[in-house]
Every structure is written in C-alpha cells, then in structure tokens.
Amino acid sequence: MESVTVGLGILVGLVWNRRTGWSCGGTITPGLLALYAGDPRRVAAVLVLGTLLAAPLAVAARVLGLYGKERVGAAMLLALLARGGLGFFAPLPYGIGWVVPGLIAADCHRQGIAMTLCGTISCTLVTLFCVTLSRTFT
C-alpha cells in the first residue's frame, strides 16, 4: 500500500502543478507525508525544517549564484546536514528526514513559503483522502 500512497501523491502533485502552476514541495512529498500522517509531530517537524532551510538556501543561492538543479542540490545538502545535526535529538526516517525537507526548502526559495506550504498540505490531504477512499473499495 506504500507504493500506492506514494504513487497517488505523485499523481496529485502533478495535477496540482498543472492546474495551479505551483509546486507542492517536491514530486514525492505529498505521498511520503501521507505515509506518516499518523504522526502529526513528525510531519510538522518536516514542514518546519523545510521552511527554516529556505533562509540559508537563499543566502547560498545568492552568494554562489545557484539556479535550477544546483539550487535543489544545495537544498538537499543543507537538509542532509540538518538531519545529521538534528538526528541525535529527533530521529526521523531516512527519506522523510532529509529528502522531503530539502525539496520543500528548494520550493520555498523558488516560489515562497506560503504557496509551497499551501500546495504541500493540500496535496497531502488529497492523497490521504484518495488512499482512504481506495481502502474503502478494496
């Protein structure tokens, strides 16, 4: 069922992007957050970490002149460093612990925090709804 959840999250995110022009914090983000929806503190920690990483990413992008994939790569490295530093205090699962915050940070830097969080939360909730609905009929 995990593959279905991530797949539905990707589909919902693609539809969201097509209809609104805004990203939802990364292609895999809604599906992975939906997998961990049973632990709201973990989801909130990921969202907060992603938004906090947008500030150092903005500095790095300005100083180093990072754009596109370089900016996303820098966001992923910042998230990996943050996970390493924070991992001792709040262990997070591997993927959701650094991949998702990095993707969220990259989108927050590109399109703003409000639009990124709006898209991320909306797409995660729609993914949860679709997964719950699919379980009802199986």
C-alpha atoms as a PDB file:
ATOM      1  CA  MET A   1       0.000   0.000   0.000  1.00  0.00           C
ATOM      2  CA  GLU A   2       3.002   2.297   0.485  1.00  0.00           C
ATOM      3  CA  SER A   3       3.755   2.293  -3.237  1.00  0.00           C
ATOM      4  CA  VAL A   4       0.142   3.155  -3.973  1.00  0.00           C
ATOM      5  CA  THR A   5       0.252   6.039  -1.497  1.00  0.00           C
ATOM      6  CA  VAL A   6       3.447   7.476  -2.962  1.00  0.00           C
ATOM      7  CA  GLY A   7       2.115   6.952  -6.492  1.00  0.00           C
ATOM      8  CA  LEU A   8      -1.156   8.718  -5.701  1.00  0.00           C
ATOM      9  CA  GLY A   9       0.815  11.542  -4.087  1.00  0.00           C
ATOM     10  CA  ILE A  10       2.875  11.944  -7.254  1.00  0.00           C
ATOM     11  CA  LEU A  11      -0.278  11.982  -9.373  1.00  0.00           C
ATOM     12  CA  VAL A  12      -1.999  14.533  -7.122  1.00  0.00           C
ATOM     13  CA  GLY A  13       1.119  16.726  -7.128  1.00  0.00           C
ATOM     14  CA  LEU A  14       1.341  16.621 -10.920  1.00  0.00           C
ATOM     15  CA  VAL A  15      -2.326  17.583 -11.257  1.00  0.00           C
ATOM     16  CA  TRP A  16      -1.856  20.388  -8.712  1.00  0.00           C
ATOM     17  CA  ASN A  17       1.132  21.729 -10.621  1.00  0.00           C
ATOM     18  CA  ARG A  18      -0.673  21.518 -13.956  1.00  0.00           C
ATOM     19  CA  ARG A  19      -3.798  23.275 -12.675  1.00  0.00           C
ATOM     20  CA  THR A  20      -2.176  25.964 -10.498  1.00  0.00           C
ATOM     21  CA  GLY A  21       1.371  26.370 -11.792  1.00  0.00           C
ATOM     22  CA  TRP A  22       2.639  25.992  -8.217  1.00  0.00           C
ATOM     23  CA  SER A  23       4.722  23.149  -6.882  1.00  0.00           C
ATOM     24  CA  CYS A  24       3.766  21.088  -3.852  1.00  0.00           C
ATOM     25  CA  GLY A  25       7.182  20.874  -2.228  1.00  0.00           C
ATOM     26  CA  GLY A  26       8.598  18.173  -4.489  1.00  0.00           C
ATOM     27  CA  THR A  27       7.178  15.391  -6.590  1.00  0.00           C
ATOM     28  CA  ILE A  28       7.291  12.723  -3.896  1.00  0.00           C
ATOM     29  CA  THR A  29       6.473  14.949  -0.928  1.00  0.00           C
ATOM     30  CA  PRO A  30       2.657  14.515  -0.730  1.00  0.00           C
ATOM     31  CA  GLY A  31       2.914  10.732  -0.879  1.00  0.00           C
ATOM     32  CA  LEU A  32       5.656  10.488   1.734  1.00  0.00           C
ATOM     33  CA  LEU A  33       3.911  12.901   4.078  1.00  0.00           C
ATOM     34  CA  ALA A  34       0.677  10.930   3.640  1.00  0.00           C
ATOM     35  CA  LEU A  35       2.531   7.786   4.737  1.00  0.00           C
ATOM     36  CA  TYR A  36       3.452   9.498   8.004  1.00  0.00           C
ATOM     37  CA  ALA A  37       0.161  11.310   8.564  1.00  0.00           C
ATOM     38  CA  GLY A  38      -0.464   9.157  11.626  1.00  0.00           C
ATOM     39  CA  ASP A  39       2.362  11.029  13.349  1.00  0.00           C
ATOM     40  CA  PRO A  40       1.497  14.735  13.020  1.00  0.00           C
ATOM     41  CA  ARG A  41       4.510  15.850  15.062  1.00  0.00           C
ATOM     42  CA  ARG A  42       6.828  14.206  12.567  1.00  0.00           C
ATOM     43  CA  VAL A  43       5.014  15.798   9.628  1.00  0.00           C
ATOM     44  CA  ALA A  44       5.088  19.198  11.343  1.00  0.00           C
ATOM     45  CA  ALA A  45       8.820  18.816  12.069  1.00  0.00           C
ATOM     46  CA  VAL A  46       9.488  18.092   8.395  1.00  0.00           C
ATOM     47  CA  LEU A  47       7.445  21.109   7.274  1.00  0.00           C
ATOM     48  CA  VAL A  48       9.147  23.411   9.791  1.00  0.00           C
ATOM     49  CA  LEU A  49      12.610  22.143   8.898  1.00  0.00           C
ATOM     50  CA  GLY A  50      11.926  22.627   5.196  1.00  0.00           C
ATOM     51  CA  THR A  51      10.785  26.203   5.697  1.00  0.00           C
ATOM     52  CA  LEU A  52      13.696  27.021   8.015  1.00  0.00           C
ATOM     53  CA  LEU A  53      16.193  25.711   5.471  1.00  0.00           C
ATOM     54  CA  ALA A  54      14.871  28.170   2.882  1.00  0.00           C
ATOM     55  CA  ALA A  55      16.781  31.045   4.543  1.00  0.00           C
ATOM     56  CA  PRO A  56      20.290  29.541   4.384  1.00  0.00           C
ATOM     57  CA  LEU A  57      19.460  28.275   0.911  1.00  0.00           C
ATOM     58  CA  ALA A  58      18.612  31.824  -0.182  1.00  0.00           C
ATOM     59  CA  VAL A  59      21.961  33.028   1.139  1.00  0.00           C
ATOM     60  CA  ALA A  60      23.846  30.201  -0.562  1.00  0.00           C
ATOM     61  CA  ALA A  61      21.987  30.765  -3.823  1.00  0.00           C
ATOM     62  CA  ARG A  62      22.748  34.489  -3.767  1.00  0.00           C
ATOM     63  CA  VAL A  63      26.405  34.126  -2.788  1.00  0.00           C
ATOM     64  CA  LEU A  64      27.200  31.198  -5.079  1.00  0.00           C
ATOM     65  CA  GLY A  65      24.820  32.096  -7.897  1.00  0.00           C
ATOM     66  CA  LEU A  66      22.906  28.822  -7.731  1.00  0.00           C
ATOM     67  CA  TYR A  67      19.961  28.175 -10.051  1.00  0.00           C
ATOM     68  CA  GLY A  68      17.870  25.178 -11.073  1.00  0.00           C
ATOM     69  CA  LYS A  69      19.362  21.806 -10.220  1.00  0.00           C
ATOM     70  CA  GLU A  70      22.309  23.371  -8.432  1.00  0.00           C
ATOM     71  CA  ARG A  71      19.901  25.143  -6.067  1.00  0.00           C
ATOM     72  CA  VAL A  72      17.968  21.911  -5.468  1.00  0.00           C
ATOM     73  CA  GLY A  73      21.236  20.070  -4.848  1.00  0.00           C
ATOM     74  CA  ALA A  74      22.287  22.709  -2.336  1.00  0.00           C
ATOM     75  CA  ALA A  75      18.898  22.385  -0.616  1.00  0.00           C
ATOM     76  CA  MET A  76      19.356  18.619  -0.378  1.00  0.00           C
ATOM     77  CA  LEU A  77      22.856  19.039   1.077  1.00  0.00           C
ATOM     78  CA  LEU A  78      21.574  21.549   3.634  1.00  0.00           C
ATOM     79  CA  ALA A  79      18.789  19.155   4.600  1.00  0.00           C
ATOM     80  CA  LEU A  80      21.237  16.273   4.905  1.00  0.00           C
ATOM     81  CA  LEU A  81      23.491  18.373   7.143  1.00  0.00           C
ATOM     82  CA  ALA A  82      20.483  19.413   9.245  1.00  0.00           C
ATOM     83  CA  ARG A  83      19.374  15.798   9.559  1.00  0.00           C
ATOM     84  CA  GLY A  84      22.849  14.830  10.677  1.00  0.00           C
ATOM     85  CA  GLY A  85      22.895  17.596  13.250  1.00  0.00           C
ATOM     86  CA  LEU A  86      19.352  17.100  14.468  1.00  0.00           C
ATOM     87  CA  GLY A  87      19.291  13.316  14.089  1.00  0.00           C
ATOM     88  CA  PHE A  88      20.694  12.852  17.559  1.00  0.00           C
ATOM     89  CA  PHE A  89      17.784  14.763  19.102  1.00  0.00           C
ATOM     90  CA  ALA A  90      14.845  13.770  16.908  1.00  0.00           C
ATOM     91  CA  PRO A  91      15.436  10.674  14.793  1.00  0.00           C
ATOM     92  CA  LEU A  92      13.442  10.760  11.567  1.00  0.00           C
ATOM     93  CA  PRO A  93      13.047   8.035   8.966  1.00  0.00           C
ATOM     94  CA  TYR A  94      15.657   8.236   6.236  1.00  0.00           C
ATOM     95  CA  GLY A  95      13.615   9.614   3.315  1.00  0.00           C
ATOM     96  CA  ILE A  96      11.262  11.898   5.160  1.00  0.00           C
ATOM     97  CA  GLY A  97      14.074  13.042   7.431  1.00  0.00           C
ATOM     98  CA  TRP A  98      16.141  14.866   4.805  1.00  0.00           C
ATOM     99  CA  VAL A  99      14.805  14.368   1.275  1.00  0.00           C
ATOM    100  CA  VAL A 100      11.407  15.958   1.867  1.00  0.00           C
ATOM    101  CA  PRO A 101      12.728  18.959   3.859  1.00  0.00           C
ATOM    102  CA  GLY A 102      15.267  19.585   1.104  1.00  0.00           C
ATOM    103  CA  LEU A 103      12.597  19.533  -1.585  1.00  0.00           C
ATOM    104  CA  ILE A 104      10.350  21.784   0.480  1.00  0.00           C
ATOM    105  CA  ALA A 105      13.220  24.227   1.089  1.00  0.00           C
ATOM    106  CA  ALA A 106      14.006  24.394  -2.644  1.00  0.00           C
ATOM    107  CA  ASP A 107      10.380  25.158  -3.476  1.00  0.00           C
ATOM    108  CA  CYS A 108      10.063  27.671  -0.618  1.00  0.00           C
ATOM    109  CA  HIS A 109      13.045  29.523  -2.014  1.00  0.00           C
ATOM    110  CA  ARG A 110      11.696  29.439  -5.570  1.00  0.00           C
ATOM    111  CA  GLN A 111       8.017  30.263  -5.048  1.00  0.00           C
ATOM    112  CA  GLY A 112       7.645  31.395  -1.446  1.00  0.00           C
ATOM    113  CA  ILE A 113       6.788  29.729   1.831  1.00  0.00           C
ATOM    114  CA  ALA A 114       3.029  30.320   1.774  1.00  0.00           C
ATOM    115  CA  MET A 115       2.440  28.847  -1.687  1.00  0.00           C
ATOM    116  CA  THR A 116       4.712  25.887  -1.003  1.00  0.00           C
ATOM    117  CA  LEU A 117       3.070  25.004   2.299  1.00  0.00           C
ATOM    118  CA  CYS A 118      -0.392  25.507   0.812  1.00  0.00           C
ATOM    119  CA  GLY A 119       0.420  23.120  -2.033  1.00  0.00           C
ATOM    120  CA  THR A 120       2.187  20.598   0.192  1.00  0.00           C
ATOM    121  CA  ILE A 121      -0.581  20.396   2.767  1.00  0.00           C
ATOM    122  CA  SER A 122      -3.380  20.416   0.191  1.00  0.00           C
ATOM    123  CA  CYS A 123      -1.818  17.674  -1.923  1.00  0.00           C
ATOM    124  CA  THR A 124      -1.026  15.580   1.154  1.00  0.00           C
ATOM    125  CA  LEU A 125      -4.629  15.806   2.349  1.00  0.00           C
ATOM    126  CA  VAL A 126      -5.996  14.913  -1.089  1.00  0.00           C
ATOM    127  CA  THR A 127      -3.596  11.969  -1.229  1.00  0.00           C
ATOM    128  CA  LEU A 128      -4.811  10.793   2.183  1.00  0.00           C
ATOM    129  CA  PHE A 129      -8.402  11.126   1.022  1.00  0.00           C
ATOM    130  CA  CYS A 130      -7.697   9.083  -2.128  1.00  0.00           C
ATOM    131  CA  VAL A 131      -5.856   6.373  -0.187  1.00  0.00           C
ATOM    132  CA  THR A 132      -8.660   6.142   2.381  1.00  0.00           C
ATOM    133  CA  LEU A 133     -11.229   6.003  -0.397  1.00  0.00           C
ATOM    134  CA  SER A 134      -9.323   3.262  -2.204  1.00  0.00           C
ATOM    135  CA  ARG A 135      -9.144   1.208   1.006  1.00  0.00           C
ATOM    136  CA  THR A 136     -12.899   1.523   1.351  1.00  0.00           C
ATOM    137  CA  PHE A 137     -13.490  -0.132  -2.009  1.00  0.00           C
ATOM    138  CA  THR A 138     -10.909  -2.915  -1.646  1.00  0.00           C
END
